[in-house]
Amino acid sequence: MAKHHWGGILLASIIVLAGLVLNPFSASAEEYHWGFKKATGGEQPNAGEPFESLIEQYGALYKGKSDKKIVYLTFDNGYENGYTESILDTLKKENTPATFFLTGHYLSSAAPLVKRMISEGHTIGNHSYGHPNMANLTEKGMEEEWGKFDKALKELTGIERTFYVRPPKGIFNQKLLAKGNDLGYRHIFWSVAFIDWHADKPRGRDYAYGELMKQLHPGALILMHTVSPDNAQALPSFIADAKKEGYSFQTLDDLVMEYENINPVLR
């Protein structure tokens, strides 16, 4: 196995936690698993190399500016587990925007919630149609995954297409980033995340709230999964307390405007 340096540490094995990894490399040189050292003390995390170079080269984003107390909320929705309505209620009450990265399954199984997201001003992101390992696909397969999702979204809502994509499980490669750019998509990763995807293993409201507050930093791009009751319960207090600390909540479009000089051919 090839060995790689990341953050000054020699790493040769993978420990993957659904996108949170200690080693950003898989055994294949053609596949990366998104990972970073968690933020502490209000300081931004750094993804290290090769991630930082790939992010810059392909106009992908995983955090905002370090001198602005802004938060960008994103949620991954692979299937509905009964908590998205509560999350939407909180966002509406707090007048807080978010981006929901959906799969094709969610478009068909939770159509009323998708329509509500849009009617209340939230952004829909493309999490692929069938949630495959996108790095394993051919370029044609990548295009078909994103295109099939966009087609279904248009049929349901009238929205022409998505512009923001997130690879399932944070698995990607250079070919995926490049193909996304060719098709007008910008990859969106994240700088705040925690284990919250086990729908049958809730850890409680305090766990989710604690993780969000501990990792909070200027320019935080937060990933949460809507299947977790912990997130739905923690969200009201988190938003309120983040605002008390001087943070505001903005959209991914606002984030792109912060970096308006990156890949200007993209939206």
C-alpha atoms as a PDB file:
ATOM      1  CA  MET A   1       0.000   0.000   0.000  1.00  0.00           C
ATOM      2  CA  ALA A   2       1.260   3.423  -0.878  1.00  0.00           C
ATOM      3  CA  LYS A   3       2.000   5.642   2.117  1.00  0.00           C
ATOM      4  CA  HIS A   4       0.975   9.280   2.321  1.00  0.00           C
ATOM      5  CA  HIS A   5       1.766  12.151   4.653  1.00  0.00           C
ATOM      6  CA  TRP A   6      -1.176  14.116   6.014  1.00  0.00           C
ATOM      7  CA  GLY A   7      -0.756  16.772   8.669  1.00  0.00           C
ATOM      8  CA  GLY A   8       2.797  15.635   9.264  1.00  0.00           C
ATOM      9  CA  ILE A   9       1.723  12.122  10.268  1.00  0.00           C
ATOM     10  CA  LEU A  10       2.571   9.023   8.253  1.00  0.00           C
ATOM     11  CA  LEU A  11      -0.650   7.219   7.554  1.00  0.00           C
ATOM     12  CA  ALA A  12      -1.031   3.874   5.881  1.00  0.00           C
ATOM     13  CA  SER A  13      -4.414   2.528   6.987  1.00  0.00           C
ATOM     14  CA  ILE A  14      -7.950   3.785   6.795  1.00  0.00           C
ATOM     15  CA  ILE A  15     -10.322   4.446   9.648  1.00  0.00           C
ATOM     16  CA  VAL A  16     -13.579   5.604   8.082  1.00  0.00           C
ATOM     17  CA  LEU A  17     -16.545   6.892  10.067  1.00  0.00           C
ATOM     18  CA  ALA A  18     -19.067   7.714   7.312  1.00  0.00           C
ATOM     19  CA  GLY A  19     -17.071  10.628   6.053  1.00  0.00           C
ATOM     20  CA  LEU A  20     -15.139  11.461   9.240  1.00  0.00           C
ATOM     21  CA  VAL A  21     -11.753   9.832   8.752  1.00  0.00           C
ATOM     22  CA  LEU A  22      -8.327   9.758  10.302  1.00  0.00           C
ATOM     23  CA  ASN A  23      -6.787   8.872   6.951  1.00  0.00           C
ATOM     24  CA  PRO A  24      -8.107  10.696   3.891  1.00  0.00           C
ATOM     25  CA  PHE A  25      -6.835   8.034   1.503  1.00  0.00           C
ATOM     26  CA  SER A  26      -8.296   4.731   0.525  1.00  0.00           C
ATOM     27  CA  ALA A  27      -6.203   1.817  -0.652  1.00  0.00           C
ATOM     28  CA  SER A  28      -6.863   3.052  -4.175  1.00  0.00           C
ATOM     29  CA  ALA A  29      -4.983   6.119  -5.355  1.00  0.00           C
ATOM     30  CA  GLU A  30      -8.143   7.026  -7.243  1.00  0.00           C
ATOM     31  CA  GLU A  31     -10.367   7.372  -4.186  1.00  0.00           C
ATOM     32  CA  TYR A  32     -10.405   9.823  -1.282  1.00  0.00           C
ATOM     33  CA  HIS A  33     -12.502   9.913   1.875  1.00  0.00           C
ATOM     34  CA  TRP A  34     -13.228  13.425   3.094  1.00  0.00           C
ATOM     35  CA  GLY A  35     -11.805  14.050   6.545  1.00  0.00           C
ATOM     36  CA  PHE A  36     -10.360  16.686   8.852  1.00  0.00           C
ATOM     37  CA  LYS A  37      -9.305  17.248  12.434  1.00  0.00           C
ATOM     38  CA  LYS A  38     -12.302  18.582  14.331  1.00  0.00           C
ATOM     39  CA  ALA A  39     -12.386  22.268  15.212  1.00  0.00           C
ATOM     40  CA  THR A  40     -11.819  23.282  18.828  1.00  0.00           C
ATOM     41  CA  GLY A  41     -11.744  26.594  20.628  1.00  0.00           C
ATOM     42  CA  GLY A  42     -13.454  28.420  17.787  1.00  0.00           C
ATOM     43  CA  GLU A  43     -10.551  27.767  15.404  1.00  0.00           C
ATOM     44  CA  GLN A  44     -11.236  26.558  11.882  1.00  0.00           C
ATOM     45  CA  PRO A  45     -10.210  22.998  10.957  1.00  0.00           C
ATOM     46  CA  ASN A  46      -7.758  22.388   8.160  1.00  0.00           C
ATOM     47  CA  ALA A  47      -8.275  19.429   5.856  1.00  0.00           C
ATOM     48  CA  GLY A  48      -4.590  19.239   4.940  1.00  0.00           C
ATOM     49  CA  GLU A  49      -3.157  17.954   1.688  1.00  0.00           C
ATOM     50  CA  PRO A  50      -4.130  16.858  -0.867  1.00  0.00           C
ATOM     51  CA  PHE A  51      -7.585  18.112   0.060  1.00  0.00           C
ATOM     52  CA  GLU A  52      -6.715  21.798   0.286  1.00  0.00           C
ATOM     53  CA  SER A  53      -5.154  21.770  -3.197  1.00  0.00           C
ATOM     54  CA  LEU A  54      -8.059  19.827  -4.704  1.00  0.00           C
ATOM     55  CA  ILE A  55     -10.581  22.177  -3.086  1.00  0.00           C
ATOM     56  CA  GLU A  56      -8.828  25.192  -4.560  1.00  0.00           C
ATOM     57  CA  GLN A  57      -8.281  23.653  -7.988  1.00  0.00           C
ATOM     58  CA  TYR A  58     -11.902  22.602  -8.516  1.00  0.00           C
ATOM     59  CA  GLY A  59     -13.721  25.365  -6.659  1.00  0.00           C
ATOM     60  CA  ALA A  60     -15.149  22.998  -4.057  1.00  0.00           C
ATOM     61  CA  LEU A  61     -15.977  24.388  -0.617  1.00  0.00           C
ATOM     62  CA  TYR A  62     -15.946  23.102   2.942  1.00  0.00           C
ATOM     63  CA  LYS A  63     -15.843  26.247   5.070  1.00  0.00           C
ATOM     64  CA  GLY A  64     -16.251  30.000   4.873  1.00  0.00           C
ATOM     65  CA  LYS A  65     -13.937  32.864   5.742  1.00  0.00           C
ATOM     66  CA  SER A  66     -12.116  32.648   9.067  1.00  0.00           C
ATOM     67  CA  ASP A  67     -12.787  36.271  10.013  1.00  0.00           C
ATOM     68  CA  LYS A  68     -16.589  36.175   9.749  1.00  0.00           C
ATOM     69  CA  LYS A  69     -18.878  34.562  12.308  1.00  0.00           C
ATOM     70  CA  ILE A  70     -21.131  32.939   9.746  1.00  0.00           C
ATOM     71  CA  VAL A  71     -22.632  29.446   9.781  1.00  0.00           C
ATOM     72  CA  TYR A  72     -23.870  27.456   6.784  1.00  0.00           C
ATOM     73  CA  LEU A  73     -26.342  24.695   7.691  1.00  0.00           C
ATOM     74  CA  THR A  74     -26.628  21.621   5.494  1.00  0.00           C
ATOM     75  CA  PHE A  75     -28.567  18.400   5.977  1.00  0.00           C
ATOM     76  CA  ASP A  76     -28.262  15.058   4.197  1.00  0.00           C
ATOM     77  CA  ASN A  77     -31.597  13.320   3.569  1.00  0.00           C
ATOM     78  CA  GLY A  78     -31.364   9.782   2.247  1.00  0.00           C
ATOM     79  CA  TYR A  79     -34.701   8.692   3.665  1.00  0.00           C
ATOM     80  CA  GLU A  80     -37.350  10.134   5.951  1.00  0.00           C
ATOM     81  CA  ASN A  81     -37.409   9.084   9.592  1.00  0.00           C
ATOM     82  CA  GLY A  82     -39.987  11.481  10.993  1.00  0.00           C
ATOM     83  CA  TYR A  83     -37.776  14.367  12.134  1.00  0.00           C
ATOM     84  CA  THR A  84     -37.458  16.636   9.099  1.00  0.00           C
ATOM     85  CA  GLU A  85     -40.755  18.369   9.816  1.00  0.00           C
ATOM     86  CA  SER A  86     -39.476  19.402  13.242  1.00  0.00           C
ATOM     87  CA  ILE A  87     -36.226  20.642  11.703  1.00  0.00           C
ATOM     88  CA  LEU A  88     -38.160  22.696   9.165  1.00  0.00           C
ATOM     89  CA  ASP A  89     -40.355  24.100  11.934  1.00  0.00           C
ATOM     90  CA  THR A  90     -37.242  25.266  13.793  1.00  0.00           C
ATOM     91  CA  LEU A  91     -35.659  26.793  10.700  1.00  0.00           C
ATOM     92  CA  LYS A  92     -38.872  28.662   9.937  1.00  0.00           C
ATOM     93  CA  LYS A  93     -39.236  29.943  13.491  1.00  0.00           C
ATOM     94  CA  GLU A  94     -35.611  31.100  13.599  1.00  0.00           C
ATOM     95  CA  ASN A  95     -35.689  32.470  10.029  1.00  0.00           C
ATOM     96  CA  THR A  96     -32.632  30.334   9.267  1.00  0.00           C
ATOM     97  CA  PRO A  97     -31.751  29.079   5.773  1.00  0.00           C
ATOM     98  CA  ALA A  98     -30.378  25.630   5.037  1.00  0.00           C
ATOM     99  CA  THR A  99     -29.433  23.364   2.161  1.00  0.00           C
ATOM    100  CA  PHE A 100     -30.886  19.862   1.995  1.00  0.00           C
ATOM    101  CA  PHE A 101     -28.831  17.344   0.019  1.00  0.00           C
ATOM    102  CA  LEU A 102     -31.388  14.805  -1.163  1.00  0.00           C
ATOM    103  CA  THR A 103     -31.351  11.455  -2.952  1.00  0.00           C
ATOM    104  CA  GLY A 104     -33.754  10.207  -5.582  1.00  0.00           C
ATOM    105  CA  HIS A 105     -35.438   8.003  -3.007  1.00  0.00           C
ATOM    106  CA  TYR A 106     -36.249  11.032  -0.871  1.00  0.00           C
ATOM    107  CA  LEU A 107     -37.807  12.876  -3.800  1.00  0.00           C
ATOM    108  CA  SER A 108     -40.307  10.074  -4.297  1.00  0.00           C
ATOM    109  CA  SER A 109     -40.886   9.022  -0.688  1.00  0.00           C
ATOM    110  CA  ALA A 110     -41.069  12.456   0.961  1.00  0.00           C
ATOM    111  CA  ALA A 111     -42.361  14.712  -1.819  1.00  0.00           C
ATOM    112  CA  PRO A 112     -44.456  16.982   0.456  1.00  0.00           C
ATOM    113  CA  LEU A 113     -41.404  17.739   2.600  1.00  0.00           C
ATOM    114  CA  VAL A 114     -39.329  18.526  -0.492  1.00  0.00           C
ATOM    115  CA  LYS A 115     -41.978  20.972  -1.665  1.00  0.00           C
ATOM    116  CA  ARG A 116     -42.071  22.540   1.782  1.00  0.00           C
ATOM    117  CA  MET A 117     -38.278  23.000   1.798  1.00  0.00           C
ATOM    118  CA  ILE A 118     -38.517  24.912  -1.452  1.00  0.00           C
ATOM    119  CA  SER A 119     -41.568  26.959  -0.501  1.00  0.00           C
ATOM    120  CA  GLU A 120     -39.827  28.079   2.682  1.00  0.00           C
ATOM    121  CA  GLY A 121     -36.753  29.264   0.801  1.00  0.00           C
ATOM    122  CA  HIS A 122     -34.273  26.464   1.389  1.00  0.00           C
ATOM    123  CA  THR A 123     -31.841  25.167  -1.221  1.00  0.00           C
ATOM    124  CA  ILE A 124     -31.950  21.637  -2.646  1.00  0.00           C
ATOM    125  CA  GLY A 125     -28.585  19.964  -3.167  1.00  0.00           C
ATOM    126  CA  ASN A 126     -27.832  16.876  -5.240  1.00  0.00           C
ATOM    127  CA  HIS A 127     -26.687  13.895  -3.150  1.00  0.00           C
ATOM    128  CA  SER A 128     -26.915  11.635  -6.235  1.00  0.00           C
ATOM    129  CA  TYR A 129     -29.962   9.644  -7.285  1.00  0.00           C
ATOM    130  CA  GLY A 130     -29.077   6.216  -5.924  1.00  0.00           C
ATOM    131  CA  HIS A 131     -26.381   7.017  -3.290  1.00  0.00           C
ATOM    132  CA  PRO A 132     -23.552   5.007  -4.901  1.00  0.00           C
ATOM    133  CA  ASN A 133     -19.815   5.367  -4.431  1.00  0.00           C
ATOM    134  CA  MET A 134     -19.468   8.080  -7.070  1.00  0.00           C
ATOM    135  CA  ALA A 135     -15.704   7.610  -7.336  1.00  0.00           C
ATOM    136  CA  ASN A 136     -16.283   4.106  -8.736  1.00  0.00           C
ATOM    137  CA  LEU A 137     -18.415   5.331 -11.622  1.00  0.00           C
ATOM    138  CA  THR A 138     -17.438   6.176 -15.154  1.00  0.00           C
ATOM    139  CA  GLU A 139     -17.846   9.791 -16.214  1.00  0.00           C
ATOM    140  CA  LYS A 140     -21.058   8.762 -17.964  1.00  0.00           C
ATOM    141  CA  GLY A 141     -22.258   7.118 -14.769  1.00  0.00           C
ATOM    142  CA  MET A 142     -21.527  10.255 -12.764  1.00  0.00           C
ATOM    143  CA  GLU A 143     -23.483  12.365 -15.219  1.00  0.00           C
ATOM    144  CA  GLU A 144     -26.385   9.927 -15.141  1.00  0.00           C
ATOM    145  CA  GLU A 145     -26.554   9.960 -11.320  1.00  0.00           C
ATOM    146  CA  TRP A 146     -26.694  13.751 -11.093  1.00  0.00           C
ATOM    147  CA  GLY A 147     -28.882  14.088 -14.182  1.00  0.00           C
ATOM    148  CA  LYS A 148     -31.420  11.513 -13.059  1.00  0.00           C
ATOM    149  CA  PHE A 149     -31.791  13.352  -9.755  1.00  0.00           C
ATOM    150  CA  ASP A 150     -32.199  16.705 -11.500  1.00  0.00           C
ATOM    151  CA  LYS A 151     -34.796  15.283 -13.862  1.00  0.00           C
ATOM    152  CA  ALA A 152     -36.838  13.874 -10.971  1.00  0.00           C
ATOM    153  CA  LEU A 153     -36.535  17.147  -9.055  1.00  0.00           C
ATOM    154  CA  LYS A 154     -37.796  19.125 -12.060  1.00  0.00           C
ATOM    155  CA  GLU A 155     -40.733  16.771 -12.526  1.00  0.00           C
ATOM    156  CA  LEU A 156     -41.671  17.183  -8.868  1.00  0.00           C
ATOM    157  CA  THR A 157     -41.005  20.891  -8.324  1.00  0.00           C
ATOM    158  CA  GLY A 158     -40.298  22.610 -11.639  1.00  0.00           C
ATOM    159  CA  ILE A 159     -36.761  23.513 -10.575  1.00  0.00           C
ATOM    160  CA  GLU A 160     -34.573  23.186 -13.665  1.00  0.00           C
ATOM    161  CA  ARG A 161     -31.488  21.701 -11.988  1.00  0.00           C
ATOM    162  CA  THR A 162     -29.238  21.704  -8.935  1.00  0.00           C
ATOM    163  CA  PHE A 163     -25.857  23.396  -8.698  1.00  0.00           C
ATOM    164  CA  TYR A 164     -24.460  22.000  -5.453  1.00  0.00           C
ATOM    165  CA  VAL A 165     -23.479  18.340  -5.086  1.00  0.00           C
ATOM    166  CA  ARG A 166     -22.217  16.234  -2.203  1.00  0.00           C
ATOM    167  CA  PRO A 167     -20.747  12.764  -2.768  1.00  0.00           C
ATOM    168  CA  PRO A 168     -22.312   9.967  -0.713  1.00  0.00           C
ATOM    169  CA  LYS A 169     -20.223   9.140   2.382  1.00  0.00           C
ATOM    170  CA  GLY A 170     -17.747  11.844   1.370  1.00  0.00           C
ATOM    171  CA  ILE A 171     -16.042   9.494  -1.095  1.00  0.00           C
ATOM    172  CA  PHE A 172     -14.656  11.208  -4.180  1.00  0.00           C
ATOM    173  CA  ASN A 173     -11.756  11.492  -6.579  1.00  0.00           C
ATOM    174  CA  GLN A 174     -10.238  14.044  -8.910  1.00  0.00           C
ATOM    175  CA  LYS A 175     -12.247  12.736 -11.857  1.00  0.00           C
ATOM    176  CA  LEU A 176     -15.495  13.319  -9.946  1.00  0.00           C
ATOM    177  CA  LEU A 177     -14.574  16.910  -9.080  1.00  0.00           C
ATOM    178  CA  ALA A 178     -13.565  17.625 -12.658  1.00  0.00           C
ATOM    179  CA  LYS A 179     -16.685  16.051 -14.175  1.00  0.00           C
ATOM    180  CA  GLY A 180     -18.853  17.969 -11.749  1.00  0.00           C
ATOM    181  CA  ASN A 181     -17.262  21.207 -12.864  1.00  0.00           C
ATOM    182  CA  ASP A 182     -17.768  20.305 -16.516  1.00  0.00           C
ATOM    183  CA  LEU A 183     -21.483  19.928 -15.826  1.00  0.00           C
ATOM    184  CA  GLY A 184     -21.786  23.117 -13.772  1.00  0.00           C
ATOM    185  CA  TYR A 185     -21.811  21.536 -10.305  1.00  0.00           C
ATOM    186  CA  ARG A 186     -19.840  22.714  -7.292  1.00  0.00           C
ATOM    187  CA  HIS A 187     -18.864  20.122  -4.680  1.00  0.00           C
ATOM    188  CA  ILE A 188     -19.781  21.005  -1.109  1.00  0.00           C
ATOM    189  CA  PHE A 189     -18.035  19.213   1.752  1.00  0.00           C
ATOM    190  CA  TRP A 190     -18.148  20.264   5.434  1.00  0.00           C
ATOM    191  CA  SER A 191     -16.100  21.477   8.407  1.00  0.00           C
ATOM    192  CA  VAL A 192     -18.400  20.342  11.239  1.00  0.00           C
ATOM    193  CA  ALA A 193     -19.815  16.829  11.600  1.00  0.00           C
ATOM    194  CA  PHE A 194     -20.266  14.076  14.149  1.00  0.00           C
ATOM    195  CA  ILE A 195     -21.682  10.564  14.314  1.00  0.00           C
ATOM    196  CA  ASP A 196     -25.404  11.169  13.849  1.00  0.00           C
ATOM    197  CA  TRP A 197     -26.500   8.796  11.114  1.00  0.00           C
ATOM    198  CA  HIS A 198     -27.481   5.753  13.228  1.00  0.00           C
ATOM    199  CA  ALA A 199     -31.239   6.208  13.335  1.00  0.00           C
ATOM    200  CA  ASP A 200     -31.640   3.278  15.745  1.00  0.00           C
ATOM    201  CA  LYS A 201     -28.928   4.475  18.153  1.00  0.00           C
ATOM    202  CA  PRO A 202     -29.901   7.929  19.430  1.00  0.00           C
ATOM    203  CA  ARG A 203     -27.406   9.506  21.828  1.00  0.00           C
ATOM    204  CA  GLY A 204     -29.616  12.310  23.065  1.00  0.00           C
ATOM    205  CA  ARG A 205     -30.172  16.010  22.530  1.00  0.00           C
ATOM    206  CA  ASP A 206     -27.201  16.991  24.714  1.00  0.00           C
ATOM    207  CA  TYR A 207     -24.783  14.952  22.617  1.00  0.00           C
ATOM    208  CA  ALA A 208     -25.757  16.686  19.374  1.00  0.00           C
ATOM    209  CA  TYR A 209     -25.875  20.123  20.991  1.00  0.00           C
ATOM    210  CA  GLY A 210     -22.480  19.581  22.613  1.00  0.00           C
ATOM    211  CA  GLU A 211     -20.833  18.504  19.364  1.00  0.00           C
ATOM    212  CA  LEU A 212     -22.251  21.472  17.464  1.00  0.00           C
ATOM    213  CA  MET A 213     -21.154  24.011  20.062  1.00  0.00           C
ATOM    214  CA  LYS A 214     -17.702  22.445  20.575  1.00  0.00           C
ATOM    215  CA  GLN A 215     -16.955  22.488  16.855  1.00  0.00           C
ATOM    216  CA  LEU A 216     -18.530  25.874  16.114  1.00  0.00           C
ATOM    217  CA  HIS A 217     -16.147  28.256  14.353  1.00  0.00           C
ATOM    218  CA  PRO A 218     -16.274  31.229  11.956  1.00  0.00           C
ATOM    219  CA  GLY A 219     -17.264  29.996   8.504  1.00  0.00           C
ATOM    220  CA  ALA A 220     -18.612  26.684   9.840  1.00  0.00           C
ATOM    221  CA  LEU A 221     -20.202  24.524   7.162  1.00  0.00           C
ATOM    222  CA  ILE A 222     -22.237  22.060   9.179  1.00  0.00           C
ATOM    223  CA  LEU A 223     -23.344  18.603   8.075  1.00  0.00           C
ATOM    224  CA  MET A 224     -26.190  16.923   9.926  1.00  0.00           C
ATOM    225  CA  HIS A 225     -28.392  13.973   9.057  1.00  0.00           C
ATOM    226  CA  THR A 226     -32.148  14.385   9.364  1.00  0.00           C
ATOM    227  CA  VAL A 227     -32.716  10.785  10.481  1.00  0.00           C
ATOM    228  CA  SER A 228     -31.472  11.655  13.970  1.00  0.00           C
ATOM    229  CA  PRO A 229     -33.894  12.733  16.712  1.00  0.00           C
ATOM    230  CA  ASP A 230     -30.856  14.192  18.501  1.00  0.00           C
ATOM    231  CA  ASN A 231     -30.384  16.806  15.777  1.00  0.00           C
ATOM    232  CA  ALA A 232     -34.037  17.799  15.668  1.00  0.00           C
ATOM    233  CA  GLN A 233     -34.056  18.240  19.449  1.00  0.00           C
ATOM    234  CA  ALA A 234     -30.745  20.118  19.613  1.00  0.00           C
ATOM    235  CA  LEU A 235     -31.278  22.468  16.678  1.00  0.00           C
ATOM    236  CA  PRO A 236     -33.445  25.125  18.417  1.00  0.00           C
ATOM    237  CA  SER A 237     -30.960  25.635  21.253  1.00  0.00           C
ATOM    238  CA  PHE A 238     -27.969  25.508  18.944  1.00  0.00           C
ATOM    239  CA  ILE A 239     -29.287  28.187  16.595  1.00  0.00           C
ATOM    240  CA  ALA A 240     -30.334  30.418  19.493  1.00  0.00           C
ATOM    241  CA  ASP A 241     -27.030  30.052  21.353  1.00  0.00           C
ATOM    242  CA  ALA A 242     -24.916  30.484  18.210  1.00  0.00           C
ATOM    243  CA  LYS A 243     -26.759  33.730  17.546  1.00  0.00           C
ATOM    244  CA  LYS A 244     -26.047  34.822  21.135  1.00  0.00           C
ATOM    245  CA  GLU A 245     -22.353  34.308  20.393  1.00  0.00           C
ATOM    246  CA  GLY A 246     -22.636  36.653  17.424  1.00  0.00           C
ATOM    247  CA  TYR A 247     -23.076  34.135  14.611  1.00  0.00           C
ATOM    248  CA  SER A 248     -25.428  34.589  11.682  1.00  0.00           C
ATOM    249  CA  PHE A 249     -26.720  31.910   9.313  1.00  0.00           C
ATOM    250  CA  GLN A 250     -26.369  32.243   5.547  1.00  0.00           C
ATOM    251  CA  THR A 251     -26.891  30.230   2.361  1.00  0.00           C
ATOM    252  CA  LEU A 252     -24.465  28.376   0.120  1.00  0.00           C
ATOM    253  CA  ASP A 253     -25.053  31.076  -2.483  1.00  0.00           C
ATOM    254  CA  ASP A 254     -23.751  33.563   0.088  1.00  0.00           C
ATOM    255  CA  LEU A 255     -20.761  31.298   0.686  1.00  0.00           C
ATOM    256  CA  VAL A 256     -19.950  31.197  -3.015  1.00  0.00           C
ATOM    257  CA  MET A 257     -20.082  34.985  -3.104  1.00  0.00           C
ATOM    258  CA  GLU A 258     -17.436  35.024  -0.371  1.00  0.00           C
ATOM    259  CA  TYR A 259     -15.170  33.218  -2.833  1.00  0.00           C
ATOM    260  CA  GLU A 260     -16.497  34.789  -6.011  1.00  0.00           C
ATOM    261  CA  ASN A 261     -13.098  34.561  -7.695  1.00  0.00           C
ATOM    262  CA  ILE A 262     -13.015  30.743  -7.611  1.00  0.00           C
ATOM    263  CA  ASN A 263     -13.934  28.922 -10.815  1.00  0.00           C
ATOM    264  CA  PRO A 264     -15.934  31.882 -12.172  1.00  0.00           C
ATOM    265  CA  VAL A 265     -17.477  29.664 -14.856  1.00  0.00           C
ATOM    266  CA  LEU A 266     -19.459  27.984 -12.087  1.00  0.00           C
ATOM    267  CA  ARG A 267     -22.512  29.481 -10.468  1.00  0.00           C
END
